């Protein structure tokens, strides 16, 4: 999985809010995130990075670790283990 979504019908790319045009394309805001699609398919799902924990999606994430404000990254092994354990 990568940091983009591709509309295979139109060839449009959604670049994870890295381009100004990402905010203007209402098409992207009507599509479920991949974790929702996978959860609905009864798959075990983990997201290592999620920019916002207060999302209004259903189902909501069982575990969301917000961005760190202490200058450290999520490469911390302890945090990675918490995310992996949440999907078991």
PDB file of N, CA and C in Angstrom:
ATOM      1  N   UNK A   1       0.841  -1.161   0.000  1.00  0.00           N
ATOM      2  CA  UNK A   1       0.000   0.000   0.000  1.00  0.00           C
ATOM      3  C   UNK A   1       0.887   1.226   0.000  1.00  0.00           C
ATOM      4  N   UNK A   2       0.419   2.233  -0.695  1.00  0.00           N
ATOM      5  CA  UNK A   2       1.202   3.451  -0.778  1.00  0.00           C
ATOM      6  C   UNK A   2       0.469   4.649  -0.222  1.00  0.00           C
ATOM      7  N   UNK A   3       1.034   5.802  -0.476  1.00  0.00           N
ATOM      8  CA  UNK A   3       0.494   7.054   0.037  1.00  0.00           C
ATOM      9  C   UNK A   3      -0.455   7.732  -0.948  1.00  0.00           C
ATOM     10  N   UNK A   4      -0.936   7.017  -1.952  1.00  0.00           N
ATOM     11  CA  UNK A   4      -1.848   7.628  -2.920  1.00  0.00           C
ATOM     12  C   UNK A   4      -3.064   6.737  -3.115  1.00  0.00           C
ATOM     13  N   UNK A   5      -4.124   7.333  -3.617  1.00  0.00           N
ATOM     14  CA  UNK A   5      -5.268   6.576  -4.111  1.00  0.00           C
ATOM     15  C   UNK A   5      -5.372   6.895  -5.588  1.00  0.00           C
ATOM     16  N   UNK A   6      -5.664   5.910  -6.378  1.00  0.00           N
ATOM     17  CA  UNK A   6      -5.801   6.092  -7.814  1.00  0.00           C
ATOM     18  C   UNK A   6      -7.227   5.780  -8.223  1.00  0.00           C
ATOM     19  N   UNK A   7      -7.848   6.715  -8.937  1.00  0.00           N
ATOM     20  CA  UNK A   7      -9.140   6.450  -9.553  1.00  0.00           C
ATOM     21  C   UNK A   7      -8.823   5.835 -10.908  1.00  0.00           C
ATOM     22  N   UNK A   8      -8.919   4.530 -11.012  1.00  0.00           N
ATOM     23  CA  UNK A   8      -8.510   3.847 -12.232  1.00  0.00           C
ATOM     24  C   UNK A   8      -9.397   4.184 -13.418  1.00  0.00           C
ATOM     25  N   UNK A   9     -10.584   4.692 -13.168  1.00  0.00           N
ATOM     26  CA  UNK A   9     -11.454   5.085 -14.282  1.00  0.00           C
ATOM     27  C   UNK A   9     -11.005   6.389 -14.932  1.00  0.00           C
ATOM     28  N   UNK A  10     -10.572   7.351 -14.102  1.00  0.00           N
ATOM     29  CA  UNK A  10     -10.213   8.674 -14.628  1.00  0.00           C
ATOM     30  C   UNK A  10      -8.714   8.917 -14.669  1.00  0.00           C
ATOM     31  N   UNK A  11      -7.944   8.100 -13.950  1.00  0.00           N
ATOM     32  CA  UNK A  11      -6.504   8.308 -13.882  1.00  0.00           C
ATOM     33  C   UNK A  11      -6.096   9.348 -12.848  1.00  0.00           C
ATOM     34  N   UNK A  12      -7.073   9.926 -12.132  1.00  0.00           N
ATOM     35  CA  UNK A  12      -6.757  10.926 -11.110  1.00  0.00           C
ATOM     36  C   UNK A  12      -6.064  10.266  -9.924  1.00  0.00           C
ATOM     37  N   UNK A  13      -5.116  11.003  -9.325  1.00  0.00           N
ATOM     38  CA  UNK A  13      -4.440  10.535  -8.126  1.00  0.00           C
ATOM     39  C   UNK A  13      -4.757  11.447  -6.952  1.00  0.00           C
ATOM     40  N   UNK A  14      -4.957  10.843  -5.816  1.00  0.00           N
ATOM     41  CA  UNK A  14      -5.115  11.574  -4.570  1.00  0.00           C
ATOM     42  C   UNK A  14      -3.805  11.387  -3.822  1.00  0.00           C
ATOM     43  N   UNK A  15      -3.114  12.469  -3.546  1.00  0.00           N
ATOM     44  CA  UNK A  15      -1.759  12.379  -3.019  1.00  0.00           C
ATOM     45  C   UNK A  15      -1.679  12.576  -1.512  1.00  0.00           C
ATOM     46  N   UNK A  16      -2.715  12.156  -0.806  1.00  0.00           N
ATOM     47  CA  UNK A  16      -2.690  12.207   0.658  1.00  0.00           C
ATOM     48  C   UNK A  16      -2.540  13.632   1.175  1.00  0.00           C
ATOM     49  N   UNK A  17      -3.299  14.532   0.553  1.00  0.00           N
ATOM     50  CA  UNK A  17      -3.313  15.938   0.954  1.00  0.00           C
ATOM     51  C   UNK A  17      -1.940  16.593   0.865  1.00  0.00           C
ATOM     52  N   UNK A  18      -1.179  16.228  -0.172  1.00  0.00           N
ATOM     53  CA  UNK A  18       0.123  16.853  -0.391  1.00  0.00           C
ATOM     54  C   UNK A  18       0.081  17.847  -1.539  1.00  0.00           C
ATOM     55  N   UNK A  19      -1.012  17.869  -2.272  1.00  0.00           N
ATOM     56  CA  UNK A  19      -1.173  18.826  -3.370  1.00  0.00           C
ATOM     57  C   UNK A  19      -2.413  19.672  -3.094  1.00  0.00           C
ATOM     58  N   UNK A  20      -2.358  20.947  -3.471  1.00  0.00           N
ATOM     59  CA  UNK A  20      -3.509  21.828  -3.239  1.00  0.00           C
ATOM     60  C   UNK A  20      -4.783  21.269  -3.852  1.00  0.00           C
ATOM     61  N   UNK A  21      -4.661  20.618  -5.011  1.00  0.00           N
ATOM     62  CA  UNK A  21      -5.844  20.086  -5.688  1.00  0.00           C
ATOM     63  C   UNK A  21      -6.517  18.969  -4.889  1.00  0.00           C
ATOM     64  N   UNK A  22      -5.786  18.329  -3.968  1.00  0.00           N
ATOM     65  CA  UNK A  22      -6.385  17.269  -3.151  1.00  0.00           C
ATOM     66  C   UNK A  22      -7.542  17.790  -2.304  1.00  0.00           C
ATOM     67  N   UNK A  23      -7.451  19.038  -1.895  1.00  0.00           N
ATOM     68  CA  UNK A  23      -8.496  19.618  -1.057  1.00  0.00           C
ATOM     69  C   UNK A  23      -9.733  19.998  -1.864  1.00  0.00           C
ATOM     70  N   UNK A  24      -9.591  20.105  -3.181  1.00  0.00           N
ATOM     71  CA  UNK A  24     -10.678  20.562  -4.034  1.00  0.00           C
ATOM     72  C   UNK A  24     -11.468  19.426  -4.656  1.00  0.00           C
ATOM     73  N   UNK A  25     -10.940  18.227  -4.640  1.00  0.00           N
ATOM     74  CA  UNK A  25     -11.580  17.111  -5.332  1.00  0.00           C
ATOM     75  C   UNK A  25     -12.562  16.407  -4.403  1.00  0.00           C
ATOM     76  N   UNK A  26     -13.809  16.836  -4.469  1.00  0.00           N
ATOM     77  CA  UNK A  26     -14.814  16.257  -3.573  1.00  0.00           C
ATOM     78  C   UNK A  26     -15.030  14.771  -3.838  1.00  0.00           C
ATOM     79  N   UNK A  27     -14.586  14.279  -4.993  1.00  0.00           N
ATOM     80  CA  UNK A  27     -14.726  12.852  -5.290  1.00  0.00           C
ATOM     81  C   UNK A  27     -14.063  11.995  -4.215  1.00  0.00           C
ATOM     82  N   UNK A  28     -12.948  12.452  -3.691  1.00  0.00           N
ATOM     83  CA  UNK A  28     -12.201  11.656  -2.723  1.00  0.00           C
ATOM     84  C   UNK A  28     -12.900  11.584  -1.378  1.00  0.00           C
ATOM     85  N   UNK A  29     -13.708  12.554  -1.066  1.00  0.00           N
ATOM     86  CA  UNK A  29     -14.326  12.596   0.252  1.00  0.00           C
ATOM     87  C   UNK A  29     -15.574  11.720   0.331  1.00  0.00           C
ATOM     88  N   UNK A  30     -15.968  11.103  -0.763  1.00  0.00           N
ATOM     89  CA  UNK A  30     -17.125  10.210  -0.759  1.00  0.00           C
ATOM     90  C   UNK A  30     -16.714   8.743  -0.766  1.00  0.00           C
ATOM     91  N   UNK A  31     -15.416   8.473  -0.719  1.00  0.00           N
ATOM     92  CA  UNK A  31     -14.891   7.113  -0.793  1.00  0.00           C
ATOM     93  C   UNK A  31     -14.397   6.692   0.589  1.00  0.00           C
ATOM     94  N   UNK A  32     -14.739   5.471   0.993  1.00  0.00           N
ATOM     95  CA  UNK A  32     -14.244   4.962   2.272  1.00  0.00           C
ATOM     96  C   UNK A  32     -12.731   4.805   2.239  1.00  0.00           C
ATOM     97  N   UNK A  33     -12.062   5.076   3.352  1.00  0.00           N
ATOM     98  CA  UNK A  33     -10.635   4.773   3.453  1.00  0.00           C
ATOM     99  C   UNK A  33     -10.430   3.264   3.335  1.00  0.00           C
ATOM    100  N   UNK A  34      -9.247   2.849   2.938  1.00  0.00           N
ATOM    101  CA  UNK A  34      -8.983   1.428   2.723  1.00  0.00           C
ATOM    102  C   UNK A  34      -9.192   0.608   3.997  1.00  0.00           C
ATOM    103  N   UNK A  35      -8.915   1.196   5.167  1.00  0.00           N
ATOM    104  CA  UNK A  35      -9.107   0.400   6.384  1.00  0.00           C
ATOM    105  C   UNK A  35     -10.587   0.100   6.608  1.00  0.00           C
ATOM    106  N   UNK A  36     -11.476   0.982   6.185  1.00  0.00           N
ATOM    107  CA  UNK A  36     -12.916   0.733   6.313  1.00  0.00           C
ATOM    108  C   UNK A  36     -13.316  -0.415   5.400  1.00  0.00           C
ATOM    109  N   UNK A  37     -12.859  -0.363   4.156  1.00  0.00           N
ATOM    110  CA  UNK A  37     -13.171  -1.423   3.198  1.00  0.00           C
ATOM    111  C   UNK A  37     -12.667  -2.765   3.710  1.00  0.00           C
ATOM    112  N   UNK A  38     -11.439  -2.794   4.219  1.00  0.00           N
ATOM    113  CA  UNK A  38     -10.867  -4.038   4.729  1.00  0.00           C
ATOM    114  C   UNK A  38     -11.613  -4.527   5.969  1.00  0.00           C
ATOM    115  N   UNK A  39     -11.979  -3.615   6.860  1.00  0.00           N
ATOM    116  CA  UNK A  39     -12.716  -3.989   8.070  1.00  0.00           C
ATOM    117  C   UNK A  39     -14.079  -4.573   7.715  1.00  0.00           C
ATOM    118  N   UNK A  40     -14.759  -3.963   6.759  1.00  0.00           N
ATOM    119  CA  UNK A  40     -16.063  -4.484   6.331  1.00  0.00           C
ATOM    120  C   UNK A  40     -15.938  -5.876   5.730  1.00  0.00           C
ATOM    121  N   UNK A  41     -14.757  -6.176   5.159  1.00  0.00           N
ATOM    122  CA  UNK A  41     -14.511  -7.496   4.582  1.00  0.00           C
ATOM    123  C   UNK A  41     -14.005  -8.483   5.636  1.00  0.00           C
ATOM    124  N   UNK A  42     -14.051  -8.073   6.907  1.00  0.00           N
ATOM    125  CA  UNK A  42     -13.641  -8.907   8.045  1.00  0.00           C
ATOM    126  C   UNK A  42     -12.142  -9.191   8.061  1.00  0.00           C
ATOM    127  N   UNK A  43     -11.352  -8.325   7.444  1.00  0.00           N
ATOM    128  CA  UNK A  43      -9.898  -8.478   7.471  1.00  0.00           C
ATOM    129  C   UNK A  43      -9.349  -7.879   8.760  1.00  0.00           C
ATOM    130  N   UNK A  44      -8.229  -8.382   9.192  1.00  0.00           N
ATOM    131  CA  UNK A  44      -7.530  -7.813  10.338  1.00  0.00           C
ATOM    132  C   UNK A  44      -6.730  -6.620   9.829  1.00  0.00           C
ATOM    133  N   UNK A  45      -6.949  -5.462  10.421  1.00  0.00           N
ATOM    134  CA  UNK A  45      -6.406  -4.223   9.869  1.00  0.00           C
ATOM    135  C   UNK A  45      -5.576  -3.478  10.902  1.00  0.00           C
ATOM    136  N   UNK A  46      -4.452  -2.942  10.454  1.00  0.00           N
ATOM    137  CA  UNK A  46      -3.645  -2.046  11.288  1.00  0.00           C
ATOM    138  C   UNK A  46      -3.164  -0.904  10.416  1.00  0.00           C
ATOM    139  N   UNK A  47      -3.181   0.284  10.979  1.00  0.00           N
ATOM    140  CA  UNK A  47      -2.619   1.454  10.302  1.00  0.00           C
ATOM    141  C   UNK A  47      -1.507   1.971  11.177  1.00  0.00           C
ATOM    142  N   UNK A  48      -0.346   2.122  10.604  1.00  0.00           N
ATOM    143  CA  UNK A  48       0.774   2.596  11.398  1.00  0.00           C
ATOM    144  C   UNK A  48       0.750   4.104  11.538  1.00  0.00           C
ATOM    145  N   UNK A  49       0.187   4.803  10.564  1.00  0.00           N
ATOM    146  CA  UNK A  49       0.111   6.256  10.653  1.00  0.00           C
ATOM    147  C   UNK A  49      -1.297   6.686  10.323  1.00  0.00           C
ATOM    148  N   UNK A  50      -1.842   7.522  11.152  1.00  0.00           N
ATOM    149  CA  UNK A  50      -3.148   8.106  10.876  1.00  0.00           C
ATOM    150  C   UNK A  50      -3.096   9.529  11.395  1.00  0.00           C
ATOM    151  N   UNK A  51      -3.312  10.529  10.531  1.00  0.00           N
ATOM    152  CA  UNK A  51      -3.085  11.912  10.944  1.00  0.00           C
ATOM    153  C   UNK A  51      -4.111  12.474  11.926  1.00  0.00           C
ATOM    154  N   UNK A  52      -5.209  11.831  12.101  1.00  0.00           N
ATOM    155  CA  UNK A  52      -6.247  12.399  12.966  1.00  0.00           C
ATOM    156  C   UNK A  52      -7.026  11.267  13.619  1.00  0.00           C
ATOM    157  N   UNK A  53      -7.100  11.258  14.919  1.00  0.00           N
ATOM    158  CA  UNK A  53      -7.813  10.190  15.627  1.00  0.00           C
ATOM    159  C   UNK A  53      -9.297  10.476  15.795  1.00  0.00           C
ATOM    160  N   UNK A  54      -9.694  11.710  15.697  1.00  0.00           N
ATOM    161  CA  UNK A  54     -11.107  12.056  15.895  1.00  0.00           C
ATOM    162  C   UNK A  54     -11.837  12.043  14.550  1.00  0.00           C
ATOM    163  N   UNK A  55     -11.896  10.889  13.922  1.00  0.00           N
ATOM    164  CA  UNK A  55     -12.560  10.766  12.633  1.00  0.00           C
ATOM    165  C   UNK A  55     -14.025  10.411  12.836  1.00  0.00           C
ATOM    166  N   UNK A  56     -14.841  10.756  11.879  1.00  0.00           N
ATOM    167  CA  UNK A  56     -16.264  10.461  11.950  1.00  0.00           C
ATOM    168  C   UNK A  56     -16.598   9.376  10.934  1.00  0.00           C
ATOM    169  N   UNK A  57     -15.879   8.256  11.003  1.00  0.00           N
ATOM    170  CA  UNK A  57     -16.115   7.141  10.108  1.00  0.00           C
ATOM    171  C   UNK A  57     -16.652   5.978  10.915  1.00  0.00           C
ATOM    172  N   UNK A  58     -17.378   5.138  10.255  1.00  0.00           N
ATOM    173  CA  UNK A  58     -17.888   3.953  10.914  1.00  0.00           C
ATOM    174  C   UNK A  58     -17.532   2.741  10.069  1.00  0.00           C
ATOM    175  N   UNK A  59     -16.865   1.778  10.603  1.00  0.00           N
ATOM    176  CA  UNK A  59     -16.427   1.699  11.988  1.00  0.00           C
ATOM    177  C   UNK A  59     -15.211   2.587  12.230  1.00  0.00           C
ATOM    178  N   UNK A  60     -15.093   3.104  13.437  1.00  0.00           N
ATOM    179  CA  UNK A  60     -13.937   3.930  13.778  1.00  0.00           C
ATOM    180  C   UNK A  60     -12.762   3.022  14.137  1.00  0.00           C
ATOM    181  N   UNK A  61     -11.543   3.540  14.079  1.00  0.00           N
ATOM    182  CA  UNK A  61     -10.387   2.706  14.437  1.00  0.00           C
ATOM    183  C   UNK A  61     -10.505   2.214  15.884  1.00  0.00           C
ATOM    184  N   UNK A  62     -10.123   0.963  16.119  1.00  0.00           N
ATOM    185  CA  UNK A  62     -10.127   0.427  17.483  1.00  0.00           C
ATOM    186  C   UNK A  62      -9.009   1.058  18.300  1.00  0.00           C
ATOM    187  N   UNK A  63      -7.936   1.391  17.631  1.00  0.00           N
ATOM    188  CA  UNK A  63      -6.789   2.009  18.277  1.00  0.00           C
ATOM    189  C   UNK A  63      -6.261   3.076  17.344  1.00  0.00           C
ATOM    190  N   UNK A  64      -6.074   4.260  17.840  1.00  0.00           N
ATOM    191  CA  UNK A  64      -5.484   5.329  17.042  1.00  0.00           C
ATOM    192  C   UNK A  64      -4.424   6.007  17.896  1.00  0.00           C
ATOM    193  N   UNK A  65      -3.219   6.021  17.398  1.00  0.00           N
ATOM    194  CA  UNK A  65      -2.121   6.679  18.094  1.00  0.00           C
ATOM    195  C   UNK A  65      -1.881   7.993  17.369  1.00  0.00           C
ATOM    196  N   UNK A  66      -2.211   9.125  17.991  1.00  0.00           N
ATOM    197  CA  UNK A  66      -2.097  10.416  17.303  1.00  0.00           C
ATOM    198  C   UNK A  66      -0.645  10.784  17.026  1.00  0.00           C
ATOM    199  N   UNK A  67      -0.423  11.726  16.124  1.00  0.00           N
ATOM    200  CA  UNK A  67       0.949  12.167  15.848  1.00  0.00           C
ATOM    201  C   UNK A  67       1.631  12.617  17.138  1.00  0.00           C
ATOM    202  N   UNK A  68       2.893  12.312  17.237  1.00  0.00           N
ATOM    203  CA  UNK A  68       3.651  12.656  18.441  1.00  0.00           C
ATOM    204  C   UNK A  68       4.039  14.120  18.413  1.00  0.00           C
ATOM    205  N   UNK A  69       3.999  14.759  19.543  1.00  0.00           N
ATOM    206  CA  UNK A  69       4.420  16.154  19.615  1.00  0.00           C
ATOM    207  C   UNK A  69       5.715  16.316  20.409  1.00  0.00           C
ATOM    208  N   UNK A  70       6.383  15.186  20.655  1.00  0.00           N
ATOM    209  CA  UNK A  70       7.633  15.229  21.414  1.00  0.00           C
ATOM    210  C   UNK A  70       8.867  15.118  20.525  1.00  0.00           C
ATOM    211  N   UNK A  71       8.661  15.171  19.204  1.00  0.00           N
ATOM    212  CA  UNK A  71       9.787  15.105  18.283  1.00  0.00           C
ATOM    213  C   UNK A  71      10.214  13.701  17.918  1.00  0.00           C
ATOM    214  N   UNK A  72       9.644  12.688  18.568  1.00  0.00           N
ATOM    215  CA  UNK A  72       9.997  11.310  18.249  1.00  0.00           C
ATOM    216  C   UNK A  72       9.102  10.801  17.123  1.00  0.00           C
ATOM    217  N   UNK A  73       9.496   9.708  16.514  1.00  0.00           N
ATOM    218  CA  UNK A  73       8.722   9.151  15.409  1.00  0.00           C
ATOM    219  C   UNK A  73       7.993   7.891  15.861  1.00  0.00           C
ATOM    220  N   UNK A  74       7.116   7.406  15.010  1.00  0.00           N
ATOM    221  CA  UNK A  74       6.395   6.174  15.300  1.00  0.00           C
ATOM    222  C   UNK A  74       7.231   4.944  14.993  1.00  0.00           C
ATOM    223  N   UNK A  75       8.498   5.147  14.649  1.00  0.00           N
ATOM    224  CA  UNK A  75       9.381   4.011  14.426  1.00  0.00           C
ATOM    225  C   UNK A  75       9.726   3.329  15.754  1.00  0.00           C
ATOM    226  N   UNK A  76       9.329   3.932  16.855  1.00  0.00           N
ATOM    227  CA  UNK A  76       9.534   3.343  18.175  1.00  0.00           C
ATOM    228  C   UNK A  76       8.909   1.949  18.187  1.00  0.00           C
ATOM    229  N   UNK A  77       9.693   0.955  18.496  1.00  0.00           N
ATOM    230  CA  UNK A  77       9.232  -0.432  18.453  1.00  0.00           C
ATOM    231  C   UNK A  77       8.031  -0.679  19.369  1.00  0.00           C
ATOM    232  N   UNK A  78       7.982  -0.017  20.510  1.00  0.00           N
ATOM    233  CA  UNK A  78       6.873  -0.205  21.452  1.00  0.00           C
ATOM    234  C   UNK A  78       5.541   0.188  20.822  1.00  0.00           C
ATOM    235  N   UNK A  79       5.525   1.328  20.117  1.00  0.00           N
ATOM    236  CA  UNK A  79       4.292   1.786  19.477  1.00  0.00           C
ATOM    237  C   UNK A  79       3.894   0.830  18.358  1.00  0.00           C
ATOM    238  N   UNK A  80       4.859   0.373  17.586  1.00  0.00           N
ATOM    239  CA  UNK A  80       4.566  -0.573  16.508  1.00  0.00           C
ATOM    240  C   UNK A  80       3.947  -1.851  17.073  1.00  0.00           C
ATOM    241  N   UNK A  81       4.445  -2.331  18.195  1.00  0.00           N
ATOM    242  CA  UNK A  81       3.894  -3.551  18.806  1.00  0.00           C
ATOM    243  C   UNK A  81       2.455  -3.337  19.271  1.00  0.00           C
ATOM    244  N   UNK A  82       2.147  -2.157  19.792  1.00  0.00           N
ATOM    245  CA  UNK A  82       0.777  -1.859  20.225  1.00  0.00           C
ATOM    246  C   UNK A  82      -0.179  -1.929  19.036  1.00  0.00           C
ATOM    247  N   UNK A  83       0.226  -1.354  17.914  1.00  0.00           N
ATOM    248  CA  UNK A  83      -0.615  -1.367  16.714  1.00  0.00           C
ATOM    249  C   UNK A  83      -0.815  -2.792  16.220  1.00  0.00           C
ATOM    250  N   UNK A  84       0.247  -3.578  16.174  1.00  0.00           N
ATOM    251  CA  UNK A  84       0.144  -4.963  15.708  1.00  0.00           C
ATOM    252  C   UNK A  84      -0.742  -5.774  16.647  1.00  0.00           C
ATOM    253  N   UNK A  85      -0.577  -5.630  17.939  1.00  0.00           N
ATOM    254  CA  UNK A  85      -1.387  -6.374  18.911  1.00  0.00           C
ATOM    255  C   UNK A  85      -2.874  -6.035  18.789  1.00  0.00           C
ATOM    256  N   UNK A  86      -3.184  -4.825  18.418  1.00  0.00           N
ATOM    257  CA  UNK A  86      -4.585  -4.406  18.310  1.00  0.00           C
ATOM    258  C   UNK A  86      -5.329  -5.132  17.198  1.00  0.00           C
ATOM    259  N   UNK A  87      -4.601  -5.737  16.270  1.00  0.00           N
ATOM    260  CA  UNK A  87      -5.266  -6.419  15.156  1.00  0.00           C
ATOM    261  C   UNK A  87      -5.429  -7.913  15.394  1.00  0.00           C
ATOM    262  N   UNK A  88      -4.953  -8.404  16.509  1.00  0.00           N
ATOM    263  CA  UNK A  88      -5.054  -9.852  16.762  1.00  0.00           C
ATOM    264  C   UNK A  88      -6.422 -10.223  17.269  1.00  0.00           C
TER     265      UNK A  88
END
